[in-house]
Amino acid sequence: MEEVLKGRSIKADFEAQVTAALMIQSNALIPIKLAVRLCGISRQEISRRIARGTFPKPHKLSKRKNATRVAFYLQDLHDWIKSPHTYLQESWQ
């Protein structure tokens, strides 16, 4: 009851938790803007870490050769968030 009084809805929190669980279970693709917010580092830092092999590789959202829109699998980001200092891309291991 206190949470409702503080301006937060228990229903909204529950819906957010269910949505997050479903996204993780289905290994949803996350756009780079959301990856920046989830990981707490800038887009430029993500690019540097991808080049060094210390951040998950993005996946192109188009089959075109010069496609610029990319996204990350949520499970890959989750693995990185669990241990960002020891993470290595599979191709770097």
PDB file of N, CA and C in Angstrom:
ATOM      1  N   MET A   1       0.816  -1.195   0.000  1.00  0.00           N
ATOM      2  CA  MET A   1       0.000   0.000   0.000  1.00  0.00           C
ATOM      3  C   MET A   1       0.856   1.254   0.000  1.00  0.00           C
ATOM      4  N   GLU A   2       1.999   1.188   0.684  1.00  0.00           N
ATOM      5  CA  GLU A   2       2.870   2.364   0.743  1.00  0.00           C
ATOM      6  C   GLU A   2       3.371   2.743  -0.641  1.00  0.00           C
ATOM      7  N   GLU A   3       3.639   1.726  -1.493  1.00  0.00           N
ATOM      8  CA  GLU A   3       4.146   2.020  -2.826  1.00  0.00           C
ATOM      9  C   GLU A   3       3.124   2.806  -3.641  1.00  0.00           C
ATOM     10  N   VAL A   4       1.845   2.472  -3.503  1.00  0.00           N
ATOM     11  CA  VAL A   4       0.808   3.191  -4.228  1.00  0.00           C
ATOM     12  C   VAL A   4       0.748   4.626  -3.729  1.00  0.00           C
ATOM     13  N   LEU A   5       0.923   4.823  -2.452  1.00  0.00           N
ATOM     14  CA  LEU A   5       0.876   6.162  -1.891  1.00  0.00           C
ATOM     15  C   LEU A   5       2.064   7.012  -2.325  1.00  0.00           C
ATOM     16  N   LYS A   6       3.181   6.396  -2.642  1.00  0.00           N
ATOM     17  CA  LYS A   6       4.369   7.133  -3.080  1.00  0.00           C
ATOM     18  C   LYS A   6       4.284   7.513  -4.552  1.00  0.00           C
ATOM     19  N   GLY A   7       3.179   7.248  -5.193  1.00  0.00           N
ATOM     20  CA  GLY A   7       3.012   7.597  -6.590  1.00  0.00           C
ATOM     21  C   GLY A   7       3.416   6.495  -7.553  1.00  0.00           C
ATOM     22  N   ARG A   8       3.818   5.356  -7.047  1.00  0.00           N
ATOM     23  CA  ARG A   8       4.187   4.219  -7.884  1.00  0.00           C
ATOM     24  C   ARG A   8       3.079   3.187  -7.840  1.00  0.00           C
ATOM     25  N   SER A   9       2.808   2.625  -8.945  1.00  0.00           N
ATOM     26  CA  SER A   9       1.760   1.615  -9.024  1.00  0.00           C
ATOM     27  C   SER A   9       2.385   0.223  -8.977  1.00  0.00           C
ATOM     28  N   ILE A  10       1.824  -0.623  -8.133  1.00  0.00           N
ATOM     29  CA  ILE A  10       2.295  -2.009  -8.056  1.00  0.00           C
ATOM     30  C   ILE A  10       2.041  -2.697  -9.394  1.00  0.00           C
ATOM     31  N   LYS A  11       0.915  -2.379 -10.024  1.00  0.00           N
ATOM     32  CA  LYS A  11       0.580  -2.971 -11.313  1.00  0.00           C
ATOM     33  C   LYS A  11       1.633  -2.599 -12.356  1.00  0.00           C
ATOM     34  N   ALA A  12       2.056  -1.356 -12.392  1.00  0.00           N
ATOM     35  CA  ALA A  12       3.066  -0.921 -13.360  1.00  0.00           C
ATOM     36  C   ALA A  12       4.399  -1.627 -13.119  1.00  0.00           C
ATOM     37  N   ASP A  13       4.785  -1.769 -11.853  1.00  0.00           N
ATOM     38  CA  ASP A  13       6.021  -2.480 -11.527  1.00  0.00           C
ATOM     39  C   ASP A  13       5.931  -3.935 -11.963  1.00  0.00           C
ATOM     40  N   PHE A  14       4.787  -4.563 -11.707  1.00  0.00           N
ATOM     41  CA  PHE A  14       4.590  -5.962 -12.092  1.00  0.00           C
ATOM     42  C   PHE A  14       4.657  -6.112 -13.601  1.00  0.00           C
ATOM     43  N   GLU A  15       3.991  -5.218 -14.332  1.00  0.00           N
ATOM     44  CA  GLU A  15       4.009  -5.286 -15.785  1.00  0.00           C
ATOM     45  C   GLU A  15       5.423  -5.107 -16.327  1.00  0.00           C
ATOM     46  N   ALA A  16       6.188  -4.224 -15.724  1.00  0.00           N
ATOM     47  CA  ALA A  16       7.573  -4.017 -16.153  1.00  0.00           C
ATOM     48  C   ALA A  16       8.409  -5.270 -15.901  1.00  0.00           C
ATOM     49  N   GLN A  17       8.200  -5.921 -14.770  1.00  0.00           N
ATOM     50  CA  GLN A  17       8.939  -7.141 -14.452  1.00  0.00           C
ATOM     51  C   GLN A  17       8.574  -8.274 -15.405  1.00  0.00           C
ATOM     52  N   VAL A  18       7.287  -8.406 -15.714  1.00  0.00           N
ATOM     53  CA  VAL A  18       6.843  -9.446 -16.641  1.00  0.00           C
ATOM     54  C   VAL A  18       7.412  -9.179 -18.032  1.00  0.00           C
ATOM     55  N   THR A  19       7.382  -7.928 -18.468  1.00  0.00           N
ATOM     56  CA  THR A  19       7.927  -7.571 -19.774  1.00  0.00           C
ATOM     57  C   THR A  19       9.411  -7.883 -19.845  1.00  0.00           C
ATOM     58  N   ALA A  20      10.156  -7.518 -18.802  1.00  0.00           N
ATOM     59  CA  ALA A  20      11.597  -7.796 -18.770  1.00  0.00           C
ATOM     60  C   ALA A  20      11.867  -9.295 -18.803  1.00  0.00           C
ATOM     61  N   ALA A  21      11.100 -10.064 -18.050  1.00  0.00           N
ATOM     62  CA  ALA A  21      11.287 -11.518 -18.025  1.00  0.00           C
ATOM     63  C   ALA A  21      11.008 -12.128 -19.396  1.00  0.00           C
ATOM     64  N   LEU A  22       9.965 -11.675 -20.060  1.00  0.00           N
ATOM     65  CA  LEU A  22       9.640 -12.190 -21.394  1.00  0.00           C
ATOM     66  C   LEU A  22      10.705 -11.805 -22.411  1.00  0.00           C
ATOM     67  N   MET A  23      11.238 -10.595 -22.299  1.00  0.00           N
ATOM     68  CA  MET A  23      12.286 -10.158 -23.215  1.00  0.00           C
ATOM     69  C   MET A  23      13.544 -11.003 -23.038  1.00  0.00           C
ATOM     70  N   ILE A  24      13.896 -11.305 -21.792  1.00  0.00           N
ATOM     71  CA  ILE A  24      15.071 -12.131 -21.537  1.00  0.00           C
ATOM     72  C   ILE A  24      14.837 -13.550 -22.040  1.00  0.00           C
ATOM     73  N   GLN A  25      13.659 -14.083 -21.760  1.00  0.00           N
ATOM     74  CA  GLN A  25      13.345 -15.452 -22.170  1.00  0.00           C
ATOM     75  C   GLN A  25      13.359 -15.599 -23.690  1.00  0.00           C
ATOM     76  N   SER A  26      12.855 -14.608 -24.400  1.00  0.00           N
ATOM     77  CA  SER A  26      12.795 -14.690 -25.859  1.00  0.00           C
ATOM     78  C   SER A  26      14.070 -14.160 -26.509  1.00  0.00           C
ATOM     79  N   ASN A  27      15.016 -13.687 -25.706  1.00  0.00           N
ATOM     80  CA  ASN A  27      16.285 -13.141 -26.195  1.00  0.00           C
ATOM     81  C   ASN A  27      16.026 -12.044 -27.224  1.00  0.00           C
ATOM     82  N   ALA A  28      15.270 -11.058 -26.818  1.00  0.00           N
ATOM     83  CA  ALA A  28      14.871  -9.958 -27.686  1.00  0.00           C
ATOM     84  C   ALA A  28      16.068  -9.158 -28.177  1.00  0.00           C
ATOM     85  N   LEU A  29      15.897  -8.516 -29.319  1.00  0.00           N
ATOM     86  CA  LEU A  29      16.902  -7.605 -29.832  1.00  0.00           C
ATOM     87  C   LEU A  29      16.666  -6.217 -29.232  1.00  0.00           C
ATOM     88  N   ILE A  30      17.739  -5.622 -28.738  1.00  0.00           N
ATOM     89  CA  ILE A  30      17.667  -4.328 -28.065  1.00  0.00           C
ATOM     90  C   ILE A  30      18.385  -3.288 -28.922  1.00  0.00           C
ATOM     91  N   PRO A  31      17.721  -2.174 -29.268  1.00  0.00           N
ATOM     92  CA  PRO A  31      18.403  -1.143 -30.044  1.00  0.00           C
ATOM     93  C   PRO A  31      19.546  -0.512 -29.246  1.00  0.00           C
ATOM     94  N   ILE A  32      20.476   0.095 -29.949  1.00  0.00           N
ATOM     95  CA  ILE A  32      21.665   0.629 -29.298  1.00  0.00           C
ATOM     96  C   ILE A  32      21.317   1.716 -28.276  1.00  0.00           C
ATOM     97  N   LYS A  33      20.287   2.506 -28.528  1.00  0.00           N
ATOM     98  CA  LYS A  33      19.896   3.541 -27.557  1.00  0.00           C
ATOM     99  C   LYS A  33      19.534   2.926 -26.214  1.00  0.00           C
ATOM    100  N   LEU A  34      18.808   1.819 -26.241  1.00  0.00           N
ATOM    101  CA  LEU A  34      18.434   1.148 -25.001  1.00  0.00           C
ATOM    102  C   LEU A  34      19.648   0.452 -24.378  1.00  0.00           C
ATOM    103  N   ALA A  35      20.535  -0.077 -25.217  1.00  0.00           N
ATOM    104  CA  ALA A  35      21.758  -0.703 -24.700  1.00  0.00           C
ATOM    105  C   ALA A  35      22.603   0.312 -23.941  1.00  0.00           C
ATOM    106  N   VAL A  36      22.672   1.523 -24.444  1.00  0.00           N
ATOM    107  CA  VAL A  36      23.410   2.598 -23.764  1.00  0.00           C
ATOM    108  C   VAL A  36      22.826   2.835 -22.380  1.00  0.00           C
ATOM    109  N   ARG A  37      21.512   2.903 -22.291  1.00  0.00           N
ATOM    110  CA  ARG A  37      20.854   3.140 -20.998  1.00  0.00           C
ATOM    111  C   ARG A  37      21.023   1.965 -20.047  1.00  0.00           C
ATOM    112  N   LEU A  38      20.893   0.737 -20.568  1.00  0.00           N
ATOM    113  CA  LEU A  38      21.010  -0.447 -19.718  1.00  0.00           C
ATOM    114  C   LEU A  38      22.423  -0.628 -19.172  1.00  0.00           C
ATOM    115  N   CYS A  39      23.406  -0.364 -20.008  1.00  0.00           N
ATOM    116  CA  CYS A  39      24.798  -0.625 -19.633  1.00  0.00           C
ATOM    117  C   CYS A  39      25.461   0.557 -18.944  1.00  0.00           C
ATOM    118  N   GLY A  40      24.901   1.728 -19.087  1.00  0.00           N
ATOM    119  CA  GLY A  40      25.453   2.895 -18.401  1.00  0.00           C
ATOM    120  C   GLY A  40      26.750   3.419 -19.003  1.00  0.00           C
ATOM    121  N   ILE A  41      26.985   3.127 -20.278  1.00  0.00           N
ATOM    122  CA  ILE A  41      28.157   3.676 -20.959  1.00  0.00           C
ATOM    123  C   ILE A  41      27.700   4.322 -22.261  1.00  0.00           C
ATOM    124  N   SER A  42      28.519   5.213 -22.796  1.00  0.00           N
ATOM    125  CA  SER A  42      28.133   5.957 -23.991  1.00  0.00           C
ATOM    126  C   SER A  42      28.196   5.086 -25.243  1.00  0.00           C
ATOM    127  N   ARG A  43      27.573   5.585 -26.283  1.00  0.00           N
ATOM    128  CA  ARG A  43      27.592   4.912 -27.573  1.00  0.00           C
ATOM    129  C   ARG A  43      29.028   4.789 -28.094  1.00  0.00           C
ATOM    130  N   GLN A  44      29.813   5.835 -27.893  1.00  0.00           N
ATOM    131  CA  GLN A  44      31.216   5.819 -28.333  1.00  0.00           C
ATOM    132  C   GLN A  44      32.012   4.770 -27.566  1.00  0.00           C
ATOM    133  N   GLU A  45      31.753   4.654 -26.261  1.00  0.00           N
ATOM    134  CA  GLU A  45      32.459   3.657 -25.459  1.00  0.00           C
ATOM    135  C   GLU A  45      32.052   2.255 -25.876  1.00  0.00           C
ATOM    136  N   ILE A  46      30.790   2.066 -26.209  1.00  0.00           N
ATOM    137  CA  ILE A  46      30.344   0.764 -26.702  1.00  0.00           C
ATOM    138  C   ILE A  46      31.101   0.424 -27.985  1.00  0.00           C
ATOM    139  N   SER A  47      31.235   1.388 -28.898  1.00  0.00           N
ATOM    140  CA  SER A  47      31.964   1.150 -30.148  1.00  0.00           C
ATOM    141  C   SER A  47      33.420   0.783 -29.886  1.00  0.00           C
ATOM    142  N   ARG A  48      34.060   1.485 -28.951  1.00  0.00           N
ATOM    143  CA  ARG A  48      35.455   1.169 -28.611  1.00  0.00           C
ATOM    144  C   ARG A  48      35.576  -0.239 -28.045  1.00  0.00           C
ATOM    145  N   ARG A  49      34.654  -0.605 -27.169  1.00  0.00           N
ATOM    146  CA  ARG A  49      34.720  -1.933 -26.551  1.00  0.00           C
ATOM    147  C   ARG A  49      34.405  -3.043 -27.553  1.00  0.00           C
ATOM    148  N   ILE A  50      33.523  -2.782 -28.504  1.00  0.00           N
ATOM    149  CA  ILE A  50      33.249  -3.771 -29.555  1.00  0.00           C
ATOM    150  C   ILE A  50      34.532  -4.010 -30.351  1.00  0.00           C
ATOM    151  N   ALA A  51      35.238  -2.933 -30.693  1.00  0.00           N
ATOM    152  CA  ALA A  51      36.479  -3.050 -31.463  1.00  0.00           C
ATOM    153  C   ALA A  51      37.547  -3.825 -30.690  1.00  0.00           C
ATOM    154  N   ARG A  52      37.578  -3.667 -29.361  1.00  0.00           N
ATOM    155  CA  ARG A  52      38.549  -4.387 -28.525  1.00  0.00           C
ATOM    156  C   ARG A  52      38.108  -5.810 -28.211  1.00  0.00           C
ATOM    157  N   GLY A  53      36.826  -6.119 -28.489  1.00  0.00           N
ATOM    158  CA  GLY A  53      36.314  -7.447 -28.198  1.00  0.00           C
ATOM    159  C   GLY A  53      35.814  -7.600 -26.776  1.00  0.00           C
ATOM    160  N   THR A  54      35.577  -6.489 -26.091  1.00  0.00           N
ATOM    161  CA  THR A  54      35.130  -6.554 -24.696  1.00  0.00           C
ATOM    162  C   THR A  54      33.668  -6.132 -24.519  1.00  0.00           C
ATOM    163  N   PHE A  55      32.911  -6.180 -25.600  1.00  0.00           N
ATOM    164  CA  PHE A  55      31.476  -5.890 -25.559  1.00  0.00           C
ATOM    165  C   PHE A  55      30.834  -6.769 -26.626  1.00  0.00           C
ATOM    166  N   PRO A  56      29.600  -7.211 -26.421  1.00  0.00           N
ATOM    167  CA  PRO A  56      28.941  -8.077 -27.418  1.00  0.00           C
ATOM    168  C   PRO A  56      28.871  -7.423 -28.792  1.00  0.00           C
ATOM    169  N   LYS A  57      28.988  -8.234 -29.825  1.00  0.00           N
ATOM    170  CA  LYS A  57      28.884  -7.735 -31.193  1.00  0.00           C
ATOM    171  C   LYS A  57      27.431  -7.390 -31.500  1.00  0.00           C
ATOM    172  N   PRO A  58      27.218  -6.282 -32.188  1.00  0.00           N
ATOM    173  CA  PRO A  58      25.855  -5.946 -32.605  1.00  0.00           C
ATOM    174  C   PRO A  58      25.448  -6.767 -33.826  1.00  0.00           C
ATOM    175  N   HIS A  59      24.172  -6.825 -34.062  1.00  0.00           N
ATOM    176  CA  HIS A  59      23.627  -7.543 -35.212  1.00  0.00           C
ATOM    177  C   HIS A  59      22.910  -6.545 -36.107  1.00  0.00           C
ATOM    178  N   LYS A  60      23.208  -6.595 -37.398  1.00  0.00           N
ATOM    179  CA  LYS A  60      22.564  -5.687 -38.354  1.00  0.00           C
ATOM    180  C   LYS A  60      21.089  -6.031 -38.457  1.00  0.00           C
ATOM    181  N   LEU A  61      20.275  -5.007 -38.583  1.00  0.00           N
ATOM    182  CA  LEU A  61      18.832  -5.214 -38.691  1.00  0.00           C
ATOM    183  C   LEU A  61      18.371  -5.270 -40.140  1.00  0.00           C
ATOM    184  N   SER A  62      19.324  -5.250 -41.068  1.00  0.00           N
ATOM    185  CA  SER A  62      19.013  -5.333 -42.477  1.00  0.00           C
ATOM    186  C   SER A  62      20.056  -6.217 -43.153  1.00  0.00           C
ATOM    187  N   LYS A  63      19.673  -6.850 -44.228  1.00  0.00           N
ATOM    188  CA  LYS A  63      20.618  -7.694 -44.947  1.00  0.00           C
ATOM    189  C   LYS A  63      21.481  -6.885 -45.908  1.00  0.00           C
ATOM    190  N   ARG A  64      21.168  -5.604 -46.055  1.00  0.00           N
ATOM    191  CA  ARG A  64      21.967  -4.763 -46.951  1.00  0.00           C
ATOM    192  C   ARG A  64      23.387  -4.619 -46.422  1.00  0.00           C
ATOM    193  N   LYS A  65      24.317  -4.545 -47.338  1.00  0.00           N
ATOM    194  CA  LYS A  65      25.734  -4.483 -46.977  1.00  0.00           C
ATOM    195  C   LYS A  65      26.062  -3.235 -46.162  1.00  0.00           C
ATOM    196  N   ASN A  66      25.456  -2.112 -46.517  1.00  0.00           N
ATOM    197  CA  ASN A  66      25.768  -0.850 -45.837  1.00  0.00           C
ATOM    198  C   ASN A  66      24.731  -0.475 -44.774  1.00  0.00           C
ATOM    199  N   ALA A  67      24.084  -1.459 -44.201  1.00  0.00           N
ATOM    200  CA  ALA A  67      23.077  -1.198 -43.165  1.00  0.00           C
ATOM    201  C   ALA A  67      23.721  -0.555 -41.944  1.00  0.00           C
ATOM    202  N   THR A  68      23.054   0.449 -41.391  1.00  0.00           N
ATOM    203  CA  THR A  68      23.610   1.147 -40.233  1.00  0.00           C
ATOM    204  C   THR A  68      22.846   0.862 -38.944  1.00  0.00           C
ATOM    205  N   ARG A  69      21.621   0.381 -39.031  1.00  0.00           N
ATOM    206  CA  ARG A  69      20.850   0.092 -37.820  1.00  0.00           C
ATOM    207  C   ARG A  69      21.281  -1.249 -37.261  1.00  0.00           C
ATOM    208  N   VAL A  70      21.669  -1.228 -35.992  1.00  0.00           N
ATOM    209  CA  VAL A  70      22.106  -2.447 -35.330  1.00  0.00           C
ATOM    210  C   VAL A  70      21.376  -2.610 -34.008  1.00  0.00           C
ATOM    211  N   ALA A  71      21.392  -3.834 -33.495  1.00  0.00           N
ATOM    212  CA  ALA A  71      20.780  -4.129 -32.206  1.00  0.00           C
ATOM    213  C   ALA A  71      21.583  -5.239 -31.546  1.00  0.00           C
ATOM    214  N   PHE A  72      21.381  -5.391 -30.252  1.00  0.00           N
ATOM    215  CA  PHE A  72      22.084  -6.398 -29.468  1.00  0.00           C
ATOM    216  C   PHE A  72      21.075  -7.385 -28.905  1.00  0.00           C
ATOM    217  N   TYR A  73      21.479  -8.646 -28.823  1.00  0.00           N
ATOM    218  CA  TYR A  73      20.626  -9.614 -28.145  1.00  0.00           C
ATOM    219  C   TYR A  73      20.675  -9.337 -26.654  1.00  0.00           C
ATOM    220  N   LEU A  74      19.514  -9.350 -26.030  1.00  0.00           N
ATOM    221  CA  LEU A  74      19.413  -9.034 -24.613  1.00  0.00           C
ATOM    222  C   LEU A  74      20.251  -9.985 -23.761  1.00  0.00           C
ATOM    223  N   GLN A  75      20.308 -11.247 -24.126  1.00  0.00           N
ATOM    224  CA  GLN A  75      21.097 -12.210 -23.356  1.00  0.00           C
ATOM    225  C   GLN A  75      22.579 -11.856 -23.398  1.00  0.00           C
ATOM    226  N   ASP A  76      23.067 -11.390 -24.547  1.00  0.00           N
ATOM    227  CA  ASP A  76      24.466 -10.967 -24.646  1.00  0.00           C
ATOM    228  C   ASP A  76      24.746  -9.784 -23.721  1.00  0.00           C
ATOM    229  N   LEU A  77      23.818  -8.815 -23.712  1.00  0.00           N
ATOM    230  CA  LEU A  77      23.981  -7.664 -22.823  1.00  0.00           C
ATOM    231  C   LEU A  77      23.920  -8.089 -21.360  1.00  0.00           C
ATOM    232  N   HIS A  78      23.045  -9.027 -21.062  1.00  0.00           N
ATOM    233  CA  HIS A  78      22.919  -9.529 -19.693  1.00  0.00           C
ATOM    234  C   HIS A  78      24.227 -10.175 -19.242  1.00  0.00           C
ATOM    235  N   ASP A  79      24.853 -10.954 -20.122  1.00  0.00           N
ATOM    236  CA  ASP A  79      26.146 -11.568 -19.803  1.00  0.00           C
ATOM    237  C   ASP A  79      27.210 -10.498 -19.560  1.00  0.00           C
ATOM    238  N   TRP A  80      27.191  -9.451 -20.376  1.00  0.00           N
ATOM    239  CA  TRP A  80      28.161  -8.361 -20.206  1.00  0.00           C
ATOM    240  C   TRP A  80      27.925  -7.625 -18.883  1.00  0.00           C
ATOM    241  N   ILE A  81      26.681  -7.361 -18.564  1.00  0.00           N
ATOM    242  CA  ILE A  81      26.353  -6.627 -17.334  1.00  0.00           C
ATOM    243  C   ILE A  81      26.790  -7.413 -16.102  1.00  0.00           C
ATOM    244  N   LYS A  82      26.690  -8.748 -16.161  1.00  0.00           N
ATOM    245  CA  LYS A  82      27.103  -9.571 -15.018  1.00  0.00           C
ATOM    246  C   LYS A  82      28.598  -9.453 -14.743  1.00  0.00           C
ATOM    247  N   SER A  83      29.412  -9.332 -15.791  1.00  0.00           N
ATOM    248  CA  SER A  83      30.861  -9.235 -15.575  1.00  0.00           C
ATOM    249  C   SER A  83      31.513  -8.401 -16.680  1.00  0.00           C
ATOM    250  N   PRO A  84      31.337  -7.084 -16.632  1.00  0.00           N
ATOM    251  CA  PRO A  84      31.870  -6.237 -17.708  1.00  0.00           C
ATOM    252  C   PRO A  84      33.395  -6.215 -17.796  1.00  0.00           C
ATOM    253  N   HIS A  85      34.089  -6.441 -16.691  1.00  0.00           N
ATOM    254  CA  HIS A  85      35.549  -6.355 -16.700  1.00  0.00           C
ATOM    255  C   HIS A  85      36.214  -7.617 -17.231  1.00  0.00           C
ATOM    256  N   THR A  86      35.487  -8.719 -17.253  1.00  0.00           N
ATOM    257  CA  THR A  86      36.082  -9.973 -17.723  1.00  0.00           C
ATOM    258  C   THR A  86      35.432 -10.484 -19.008  1.00  0.00           C
ATOM    259  N   TYR A  87      34.522  -9.723 -19.580  1.00  0.00           N
ATOM    260  CA  TYR A  87      33.792 -10.164 -20.768  1.00  0.00           C
ATOM    261  C   TYR A  87      34.702 -10.142 -21.997  1.00  0.00           C
ATOM    262  N   LEU A  88      34.645 -11.191 -22.790  1.00  0.00           N
ATOM    263  CA  LEU A  88      35.313 -11.248 -24.091  1.00  0.00           C
ATOM    264  C   LEU A  88      34.340 -11.819 -25.109  1.00  0.00           C
ATOM    265  N   GLN A  89      34.323 -11.229 -26.318  1.00  0.00           N
ATOM    266  CA  GLN A  89      33.495 -11.770 -27.395  1.00  0.00           C
ATOM    267  C   GLN A  89      33.987 -13.176 -27.714  1.00  0.00           C
ATOM    268  N   GLU A  90      33.093 -14.019 -28.194  1.00  0.00           N
ATOM    269  CA  GLU A  90      33.454 -15.403 -28.517  1.00  0.00           C
ATOM    270  C   GLU A  90      34.593 -15.469 -29.522  1.00  0.00           C
ATOM    271  N   SER A  91      34.613 -14.568 -30.504  1.00  0.00           N
ATOM    272  CA  SER A  91      35.661 -14.615 -31.519  1.00  0.00           C
ATOM    273  C   SER A  91      37.027 -14.199 -30.964  1.00  0.00           C
ATOM    274  N   TRP A  92      37.054 -13.561 -29.787  1.00  0.00           N
ATOM    275  CA  TRP A  92      38.305 -13.117 -29.176  1.00  0.00           C
ATOM    276  C   TRP A  92      38.852 -14.160 -28.207  1.00  0.00           C
ATOM    277  N   GLN A  93      38.043 -15.144 -27.854  1.00  0.00           N
ATOM    278  CA  GLN A  93      38.490 -16.126 -26.850  1.00  0.00           C
ATOM    279  C   GLN A  93      39.345 -17.195 -27.455  1.00  0.00           C
TER     280      GLN A  93
END
